[in-house]
C-alpha atoms as a PDB file:
ATOM      1  CA  MET A   1      11.939 -21.868  -7.558  1.00  0.00           C
ATOM      2  CA  GLU A   2       8.299 -21.383  -6.632  1.00  0.00           C
ATOM      3  CA  ALA A   3       7.500 -19.404  -3.489  1.00  0.00           C
ATOM      4  CA  GLY A   4       5.968 -22.417  -1.735  1.00  0.00           C
ATOM      5  CA  ALA A   5       8.977 -24.629  -2.412  1.00  0.00           C
ATOM      6  CA  ALA A   6      11.401 -21.923  -1.315  1.00  0.00           C
ATOM      7  CA  ALA A   7       9.492 -21.397   1.943  1.00  0.00           C
ATOM      8  CA  ARG A   8      10.157 -24.989   2.962  1.00  0.00           C
ATOM      9  CA  ASP A   9      13.902 -24.334   2.769  1.00  0.00           C
ATOM     10  CA  LEU A  10      13.724 -21.256   4.985  1.00  0.00           C
ATOM     11  CA  ASP A  11      13.413 -20.569   8.672  1.00  0.00           C
ATOM     12  CA  LEU A  12       9.659 -20.781   9.200  1.00  0.00           C
ATOM     13  CA  LYS A  13       9.891 -18.915  12.506  1.00  0.00           C
ATOM     14  CA  SER A  14      11.601 -16.040  10.725  1.00  0.00           C
ATOM     15  CA  LEU A  15       8.979 -16.156   7.974  1.00  0.00           C
ATOM     16  CA  ALA A  16       6.233 -15.910  10.599  1.00  0.00           C
ATOM     17  CA  ARG A  17       7.960 -12.901  12.170  1.00  0.00           C
ATOM     18  CA  ALA A  18       8.174 -11.214   8.780  1.00  0.00           C
ATOM     19  CA  GLN A  19       4.495 -11.866   8.117  1.00  0.00           C
ATOM     20  CA  ALA A  20       3.534 -10.446  11.516  1.00  0.00           C
ATOM     21  CA  LEU A  21       5.568  -7.327  10.792  1.00  0.00           C
ATOM     22  CA  VAL A  22       3.929  -6.737   7.423  1.00  0.00           C
ATOM     23  CA  THR A  23       0.505  -7.428   8.918  1.00  0.00           C
ATOM     24  CA  ARG A  24       1.056  -4.828  11.627  1.00  0.00           C
ATOM     25  CA  ILE A  25       2.220  -2.129   9.234  1.00  0.00           C
ATOM     26  CA  VAL A  26      -0.500  -2.835   6.658  1.00  0.00           C
ATOM     27  CA  ALA A  27      -3.225  -3.106   9.311  1.00  0.00           C
ATOM     28  CA  GLU A  28      -2.165   0.153  10.954  1.00  0.00           C
ATOM     29  CA  ARG A  29      -2.112   2.142   7.739  1.00  0.00           C
ATOM     30  CA  HIS A  30      -4.655   0.640   5.380  1.00  0.00           C
ATOM     31  CA  ASP A  31      -8.240  -0.420   5.991  1.00  0.00           C
ATOM     32  CA  ARG A  32      -8.645  -3.327   3.577  1.00  0.00           C
ATOM     33  CA  PRO A  33     -10.669  -6.574   3.547  1.00  0.00           C
ATOM     34  CA  SER A  34      -9.007  -9.456   5.320  1.00  0.00           C
ATOM     35  CA  LEU A  35      -8.173 -11.330   2.106  1.00  0.00           C
ATOM     36  CA  VAL A  36      -6.314  -8.331   0.674  1.00  0.00           C
ATOM     37  CA  ALA A  37      -4.433  -7.888   3.938  1.00  0.00           C
ATOM     38  CA  ARG A  38      -3.587 -11.607   3.999  1.00  0.00           C
ATOM     39  CA  ILE A  39      -2.237 -11.556   0.441  1.00  0.00           C
ATOM     40  CA  ALA A  40      -0.201  -8.426   1.192  1.00  0.00           C
ATOM     41  CA  SER A  41       1.147  -9.884   4.443  1.00  0.00           C
ATOM     42  CA  GLU A  42       2.182 -13.236   2.995  1.00  0.00           C
ATOM     43  CA  THR A  43       3.652 -11.798  -0.192  1.00  0.00           C
ATOM     44  CA  GLY A  44       5.459  -9.076   1.739  1.00  0.00           C
ATOM     45  CA  ALA A  45       6.914 -11.659   4.126  1.00  0.00           C
ATOM     46  CA  GLU A  46       8.171 -13.727   1.181  1.00  0.00           C
ATOM     47  CA  ILE A  47       9.916 -10.613  -0.157  1.00  0.00           C
ATOM     48  CA  ILE A  48      11.517  -9.806   3.209  1.00  0.00           C
ATOM     49  CA  GLU A  49      12.705 -13.398   3.628  1.00  0.00           C
ATOM     50  CA  GLY A  50      14.198 -13.568   0.138  1.00  0.00           C
ATOM     51  CA  ILE A  51      11.765 -16.157  -1.192  1.00  0.00           C
ATOM     52  CA  ARG A  52      10.885 -13.571  -3.812  1.00  0.00           C
ATOM     53  CA  ARG A  53      14.030 -11.772  -4.982  1.00  0.00           C
ATOM     54  CA  PRO A  54      14.480  -8.165  -6.158  1.00  0.00           C
ATOM     55  CA  GLY A  55      13.257  -7.890  -9.741  1.00  0.00           C
ATOM     56  CA  ASP A  56      11.152 -11.072  -9.624  1.00  0.00           C
ATOM     57  CA  ASP A  57       7.828 -10.845 -11.432  1.00  0.00           C
ATOM     58  CA  LEU A  58       4.684 -10.966  -9.329  1.00  0.00           C
ATOM     59  CA  ASN A  59       2.292 -12.803 -11.604  1.00  0.00           C
ATOM     60  CA  SER A  60      -1.285 -11.874 -10.729  1.00  0.00           C
ATOM     61  CA  VAL A  61      -2.609 -15.005 -12.478  1.00  0.00           C
ATOM     62  CA  GLU A  62      -0.382 -17.254 -10.374  1.00  0.00           C
ATOM     63  CA  LEU A  63      -1.336 -15.367  -7.202  1.00  0.00           C
ATOM     64  CA  SER A  64      -5.036 -15.546  -8.120  1.00  0.00           C
ATOM     65  CA  LYS A  65      -4.781 -19.335  -8.381  1.00  0.00           C
ATOM     66  CA  ARG A  66      -2.873 -19.582  -5.128  1.00  0.00           C
ATOM     67  CA  TYR A  67      -5.464 -17.585  -3.193  1.00  0.00           C
ATOM     68  CA  ARG A  68      -8.458 -18.797  -5.226  1.00  0.00           C
ATOM     69  CA  THR A  69      -9.653 -15.297  -5.906  1.00  0.00           C
ATOM     70  CA  SER A  70     -10.041 -12.820  -8.743  1.00  0.00           C
ATOM     71  CA  ARG A  71      -7.212 -10.534  -9.779  1.00  0.00           C
ATOM     72  CA  THR A  72      -8.778  -7.499  -8.085  1.00  0.00           C
ATOM     73  CA  PRO A  73      -7.727  -8.407  -4.490  1.00  0.00           C
ATOM     74  CA  ILE A  74      -4.283  -9.304  -5.857  1.00  0.00           C
ATOM     75  CA  ARG A  75      -3.882  -5.885  -7.445  1.00  0.00           C
ATOM     76  CA  GLU A  76      -5.046  -4.184  -4.246  1.00  0.00           C
ATOM     77  CA  ALA A  77      -2.578  -6.186  -2.148  1.00  0.00           C
ATOM     78  CA  LEU A  78       0.317  -5.391  -4.487  1.00  0.00           C
ATOM     79  CA  MET A  79      -0.599  -1.710  -4.409  1.00  0.00           C
ATOM     80  CA  LEU A  80      -0.390  -1.805  -0.602  1.00  0.00           C
ATOM     81  CA  LEU A  81       3.074  -3.319  -0.843  1.00  0.00           C
ATOM     82  CA  GLU A  82       4.060  -0.705  -3.413  1.00  0.00           C
ATOM     83  CA  LYS A  83       3.219   2.007  -0.866  1.00  0.00           C
ATOM     84  CA  GLU A  84       5.527   0.285   1.623  1.00  0.00           C
ATOM     85  CA  GLY A  85       8.419   0.089  -0.840  1.00  0.00           C
ATOM     86  CA  LEU A  86       8.413  -3.681  -1.338  1.00  0.00           C
ATOM     87  CA  VAL A  87       6.829  -3.841  -4.806  1.00  0.00           C
ATOM     88  CA  ASP A  88       7.099  -1.843  -8.037  1.00  0.00           C
ATOM     89  CA  VAL A  89       3.988  -1.572 -10.215  1.00  0.00           C
ATOM     90  CA  PRO A  90       5.179   0.024 -13.488  1.00  0.00           C
ATOM     91  CA  PRO A  91       2.580   1.320 -15.977  1.00  0.00           C
ATOM     92  CA  ARG A  92       1.484  -1.387 -18.449  1.00  0.00           C
ATOM     93  CA  LYS A  93       4.033  -3.850 -17.055  1.00  0.00           C
ATOM     94  CA  ARG A  94       3.840  -6.783 -14.697  1.00  0.00           C
ATOM     95  CA  PRO A  95       4.389  -5.913 -10.995  1.00  0.00           C
ATOM     96  CA  ARG A  96       7.735  -6.988  -9.620  1.00  0.00           C
ATOM     97  CA  VAL A  97       9.660  -7.097  -6.357  1.00  0.00           C
ATOM     98  CA  ALA A  98      11.238  -3.693  -5.765  1.00  0.00           C
ATOM     99  CA  SER A  99      14.978  -3.298  -6.338  1.00  0.00           C
ATOM    100  CA  PRO A 100      15.971  -0.134  -4.469  1.00  0.00           C
ATOM    101  CA  ALA A 101      18.879   1.735  -5.993  1.00  0.00           C
ATOM    102  CA  LEU A 102      21.976   2.358  -3.890  1.00  0.00           C
ATOM    103  CA  ALA A 103      21.152   6.075  -3.787  1.00  0.00           C
ATOM    104  CA  GLU A 104      17.765   5.296  -2.225  1.00  0.00           C
ATOM    105  CA  ILE A 105      19.328   2.896   0.281  1.00  0.00           C
ATOM    106  CA  ARG A 106      21.755   5.634   1.316  1.00  0.00           C
ATOM    107  CA  GLU A 107      18.884   8.064   1.820  1.00  0.00           C
ATOM    108  CA  ILE A 108      16.969   5.572   3.967  1.00  0.00           C
ATOM    109  CA  TYR A 109      19.905   4.684   6.210  1.00  0.00           C
ATOM    110  CA  ARG A 110      21.008   8.286   6.656  1.00  0.00           C
ATOM    111  CA  ALA A 111      17.470   9.298   7.552  1.00  0.00           C
ATOM    112  CA  ARG A 112      17.215   6.446  10.069  1.00  0.00           C
ATOM    113  CA  ALA A 113      20.596   7.382  11.543  1.00  0.00           C
ATOM    114  CA  VAL A 114      19.468  10.963  12.207  1.00  0.00           C
ATOM    115  CA  LEU A 115      16.110   9.919  13.643  1.00  0.00           C
ATOM    116  CA  PHE A 116      17.585   7.260  15.900  1.00  0.00           C
ATOM    117  CA  GLU A 117      20.171   9.737  17.184  1.00  0.00           C
ATOM    118  CA  MET A 118      17.226  11.703  18.524  1.00  0.00           C
ATOM    119  CA  ILE A 119      15.554   8.555  19.857  1.00  0.00           C
ATOM    120  CA  ALA A 120      18.695   7.301  21.626  1.00  0.00           C
ATOM    121  CA  ALA A 121      19.398  10.665  23.248  1.00  0.00           C
ATOM    122  CA  ASP A 122      15.831  10.870  24.552  1.00  0.00           C
ATOM    123  CA  VAL A 123      15.923   7.297  25.843  1.00  0.00           C
ATOM    124  CA  ALA A 124      19.261   7.785  27.608  1.00  0.00           C
ATOM    125  CA  ALA A 125      18.050  10.983  29.264  1.00  0.00           C
ATOM    126  CA  ALA A 126      14.839   9.573  30.711  1.00  0.00           C
ATOM    127  CA  ILE A 127      14.968   5.775  30.738  1.00  0.00           C
ATOM    128  CA  THR A 128      13.300   4.011  33.662  1.00  0.00           C
ATOM    129  CA  PRO A 129      14.651   0.881  35.379  1.00  0.00           C
ATOM    130  CA  GLU A 130      11.796  -1.082  33.775  1.00  0.00           C
ATOM    131  CA  GLY A 131      12.626   0.251  30.315  1.00  0.00           C
ATOM    132  CA  LEU A 132      16.310  -0.521  30.775  1.00  0.00           C
ATOM    133  CA  GLN A 133      15.511  -4.065  31.846  1.00  0.00           C
ATOM    134  CA  ALA A 134      13.317  -4.575  28.772  1.00  0.00           C
ATOM    135  CA  LEU A 135      16.156  -3.373  26.524  1.00  0.00           C
ATOM    136  CA  ARG A 136      18.584  -5.695  28.303  1.00  0.00           C
ATOM    137  CA  GLU A 137      16.255  -8.619  27.563  1.00  0.00           C
ATOM    138  CA  HIS A 138      16.205  -7.822  23.833  1.00  0.00           C
ATOM    139  CA  PHE A 139      19.973  -7.382  23.915  1.00  0.00           C
ATOM    140  CA  ALA A 140      20.285 -10.777  25.621  1.00  0.00           C
ATOM    141  CA  ALA A 141      18.349 -12.292  22.707  1.00  0.00           C
ATOM    142  CA  MET A 142      20.800 -10.622  20.320  1.00  0.00           C
ATOM    143  CA  GLU A 143      23.708 -12.016  22.336  1.00  0.00           C
ATOM    144  CA  ALA A 144      22.293 -15.552  22.271  1.00  0.00           C
ATOM    145  CA  ALA A 145      21.752 -15.378  18.506  1.00  0.00           C
ATOM    146  CA  HIS A 146      25.245 -13.937  17.990  1.00  0.00           C
ATOM    147  CA  ARG A 147      26.881 -16.713  19.983  1.00  0.00           C
ATOM    148  CA  ALA A 148      24.870 -19.336  18.075  1.00  0.00           C
ATOM    149  CA  GLY A 149      25.651 -17.785  14.688  1.00  0.00           C
ATOM    150  CA  ASP A 150      21.903 -17.457  14.157  1.00  0.00           C
ATOM    151  CA  LEU A 151      21.538 -14.664  11.598  1.00  0.00           C
ATOM    152  CA  ASN A 152      17.744 -14.709  11.505  1.00  0.00           C
ATOM    153  CA  GLY A 153      17.510 -14.740  15.292  1.00  0.00           C
ATOM    154  CA  PHE A 154      19.893 -11.789  15.481  1.00  0.00           C
ATOM    155  CA  VAL A 155      17.953  -9.862  12.837  1.00  0.00           C
ATOM    156  CA  TRP A 156      14.625 -10.176  14.659  1.00  0.00           C
ATOM    157  CA  ALA A 157      16.130  -9.478  18.082  1.00  0.00           C
ATOM    158  CA  ASN A 158      17.615  -6.364  16.479  1.00  0.00           C
ATOM    159  CA  VAL A 159      14.204  -5.366  15.097  1.00  0.00           C
ATOM    160  CA  ASP A 160      12.669  -5.841  18.564  1.00  0.00           C
ATOM    161  CA  PHE A 161      15.433  -3.796  20.195  1.00  0.00           C
ATOM    162  CA  TYR A 162      14.875  -0.826  17.893  1.00  0.00           C
ATOM    163  CA  GLU A 163      11.105  -1.088  18.109  1.00  0.00           C
ATOM    164  CA  LEU A 164      11.366  -0.836  21.900  1.00  0.00           C
ATOM    165  CA  ASN A 165      13.664   2.174  21.595  1.00  0.00           C
ATOM    166  CA  THR A 166      11.047   4.036  19.574  1.00  0.00           C
ATOM    167  CA  GLN A 167       8.366   3.137  22.130  1.00  0.00           C
ATOM    168  CA  LEU A 168      10.480   4.261  25.095  1.00  0.00           C
ATOM    169  CA  ALA A 169      11.221   7.626  23.473  1.00  0.00           C
ATOM    170  CA  SER A 170       7.469   8.383  23.371  1.00  0.00           C
ATOM    171  CA  ASN A 171       7.814  10.467  20.205  1.00  0.00           C
ATOM    172  CA  ARG A 172       4.835   9.442  18.104  1.00  0.00           C
ATOM    173  CA  THR A 173       5.813  11.600  15.128  1.00  0.00           C
ATOM    174  CA  VAL A 174       9.267  10.071  14.832  1.00  0.00           C
ATOM    175  CA  LYS A 175       7.841   6.582  15.408  1.00  0.00           C
ATOM    176  CA  ARG A 176       5.440   7.026  12.470  1.00  0.00           C
ATOM    177  CA  ILE A 177       8.302   8.067  10.212  1.00  0.00           C
ATOM    178  CA  LEU A 178      10.470   5.151  11.331  1.00  0.00           C
ATOM    179  CA  ASP A 179       7.588   2.722  10.836  1.00  0.00           C
ATOM    180  CA  SER A 180       7.297   4.009   7.264  1.00  0.00           C
ATOM    181  CA  LEU A 181      10.912   2.943   6.702  1.00  0.00           C
ATOM    182  CA  LEU A 182      10.701  -0.322   8.616  1.00  0.00           C
ATOM    183  CA  LEU A 183       9.561  -2.632   5.824  1.00  0.00           C
ATOM    184  CA  ARG A 184      11.966  -0.972   3.394  1.00  0.00           C
ATOM    185  CA  THR A 185      14.884  -1.856   5.632  1.00  0.00           C
ATOM    186  CA  ALA A 186      13.829  -5.319   6.861  1.00  0.00           C
ATOM    187  CA  ARG A 187      15.404  -7.291   4.008  1.00  0.00           C
ATOM    188  CA  LEU A 188      18.370  -4.893   3.816  1.00  0.00           C
ATOM    189  CA  ARG A 189      19.102  -5.426   7.513  1.00  0.00           C
ATOM    190  CA  ARG A 190      19.588  -9.153   6.968  1.00  0.00           C
ATOM    191  CA  LEU A 191      21.810  -8.529   3.948  1.00  0.00           C
ATOM    192  CA  SER A 192      23.964  -6.086   5.900  1.00  0.00           C
ATOM    193  CA  LEU A 193      24.294  -8.331   8.951  1.00  0.00           C
ATOM    194  CA  SER A 194      25.225 -11.301   6.754  1.00  0.00           C
ATOM    195  CA  GLN A 195      28.433  -9.594   5.622  1.00  0.00           C
ATOM    196  CA  PRO A 196      31.699 -10.904   7.170  1.00  0.00           C
ATOM    197  CA  GLY A 197      32.249  -9.550  10.665  1.00  0.00           C
ATOM    198  CA  ARG A 198      29.156  -7.354  10.588  1.00  0.00           C
ATOM    199  CA  MET A 199      27.100  -9.244  13.193  1.00  0.00           C
ATOM    200  CA  ALA A 200      29.978  -9.133  15.686  1.00  0.00           C
ATOM    201  CA  ARG A 201      30.488  -5.415  15.076  1.00  0.00           C
ATOM    202  CA  SER A 202      26.778  -4.745  15.524  1.00  0.00           C
ATOM    203  CA  PHE A 203      26.715  -6.766  18.743  1.00  0.00           C
ATOM    204  CA  ASP A 204      29.633  -4.760  20.152  1.00  0.00           C
ATOM    205  CA  ASP A 205      27.942  -1.479  19.188  1.00  0.00           C
ATOM    206  CA  HIS A 206      24.772  -2.496  21.017  1.00  0.00           C
ATOM    207  CA  ALA A 207      26.694  -3.633  24.100  1.00  0.00           C
ATOM    208  CA  ARG A 208      28.215  -0.143  24.307  1.00  0.00           C
ATOM    209  CA  LEU A 209      24.793   1.415  23.690  1.00  0.00           C
ATOM    210  CA  ILE A 210      23.309  -0.482  26.648  1.00  0.00           C
ATOM    211  CA  LYS A 211      26.187   0.837  28.789  1.00  0.00           C
ATOM    212  CA  ALA A 212      25.479   4.397  27.619  1.00  0.00           C
ATOM    213  CA  TYR A 213      21.846   3.940  28.622  1.00  0.00           C
ATOM    214  CA  GLU A 214      22.902   2.587  32.020  1.00  0.00           C
ATOM    215  CA  ASP A 215      25.137   5.645  32.490  1.00  0.00           C
ATOM    216  CA  GLY A 216      22.423   8.038  31.318  1.00  0.00           C
ATOM    217  CA  ASP A 217      24.728   9.503  28.630  1.00  0.00           C
ATOM    218  CA  PRO A 218      22.580  10.985  25.804  1.00  0.00           C
ATOM    219  CA  GLN A 219      25.507  12.209  23.683  1.00  0.00           C
ATOM    220  CA  LEU A 220      27.303   8.873  23.683  1.00  0.00           C
ATOM    221  CA  ALA A 221      24.076   6.942  23.052  1.00  0.00           C
ATOM    222  CA  ALA A 222      23.260   9.147  20.058  1.00  0.00           C
ATOM    223  CA  ALA A 223      26.775   8.770  18.643  1.00  0.00           C
ATOM    224  CA  LEU A 224      26.743   4.996  19.049  1.00  0.00           C
ATOM    225  CA  ILE A 225      23.376   4.450  17.404  1.00  0.00           C
ATOM    226  CA  ARG A 226      24.363   6.709  14.495  1.00  0.00           C
ATOM    227  CA  SER A 227      27.648   4.836  14.118  1.00  0.00           C
ATOM    228  CA  ASN A 228      25.796   1.524  13.985  1.00  0.00           C
ATOM    229  CA  HIS A 229      23.602   2.758  11.128  1.00  0.00           C
ATOM    230  CA  ILE A 230      26.540   4.206   9.194  1.00  0.00           C
ATOM    231  CA  ASN A 231      28.478   0.949   9.603  1.00  0.00           C
ATOM    232  CA  ALA A 232      25.443  -1.015   8.404  1.00  0.00           C
ATOM    233  CA  LEU A 233      25.212   1.219   5.343  1.00  0.00           C
ATOM    234  CA  ALA A 234      28.927   0.787   4.636  1.00  0.00           C
ATOM    235  CA  ALA A 235      28.507  -3.006   4.702  1.00  0.00           C
ATOM    236  CA  LEU A 236      25.621  -2.745   2.224  1.00  0.00           C
ATOM    237  CA  GLU A 237      27.552  -0.370  -0.032  1.00  0.00           C
ATOM    238  CA  GLY A 238      30.528  -2.711  -0.126  1.00  0.00           C
ATOM    239  CA  TYR A 239      28.369  -5.691  -1.023  1.00  0.00           C
ATOM    240  CA  LEU A 240      26.221  -3.934  -3.620  1.00  0.00           C
ATOM    241  CA  LEU A 241      29.112  -2.192  -5.345  1.00  0.00           C
ATOM    242  CA  LYS A 242      30.991  -5.488  -5.589  1.00  0.00           C
ATOM    243  CA  ALA A 243      27.893  -7.360  -6.808  1.00  0.00           C
ATOM    244  CA  GLY A 244      26.830  -4.639  -9.242  1.00  0.00           C
END
């Protein structure tokens, strides 16, 4: 299926959120002409949303026709996405959508678990009433999506919740590291949460995390956020081992 045809069958709101996420990361890290950034943002969003699947070829001729440009901006855009872990550009071979190995996925989730332990402990120790209210609002969006069975809505509310956590912790170094992993985990997060019972388990974990923040309990908050990441990894491992 062509990317354009597949997009019509997907949640366009979710696609727009994915594009905004890629745009933010690319814009923050790479100073490139607007066309290159646009190609990177739209192609990256299609990868995150599953329009382009792991291992799919990224044909520079097809992309050149789509964007009515030469192959040079296409190559630059794909190189940006390679740096963010969404694309592989092998020597003397056609670029393709990255297919992270299970070992790499384990590394990413374990790293995120450790970093978010630190974030959650810092947030719980010093959260303001305003910060707590903002987290409650993101959690309410997760709750609404959970009750509606809206996977995409839950995924993006989850992204917003964790983004706010990193902002509230005011640790710029850790935030930069987590941002570097964000695009690598965006499509994996949806896959994990789509597994049977996983959304409900994640919702319960976040309900307890909000309570830990309300109680100002850094140790419990850190343990809960680590547990959520380890459970997410276990869901991915189970799926990928069965599929592989």
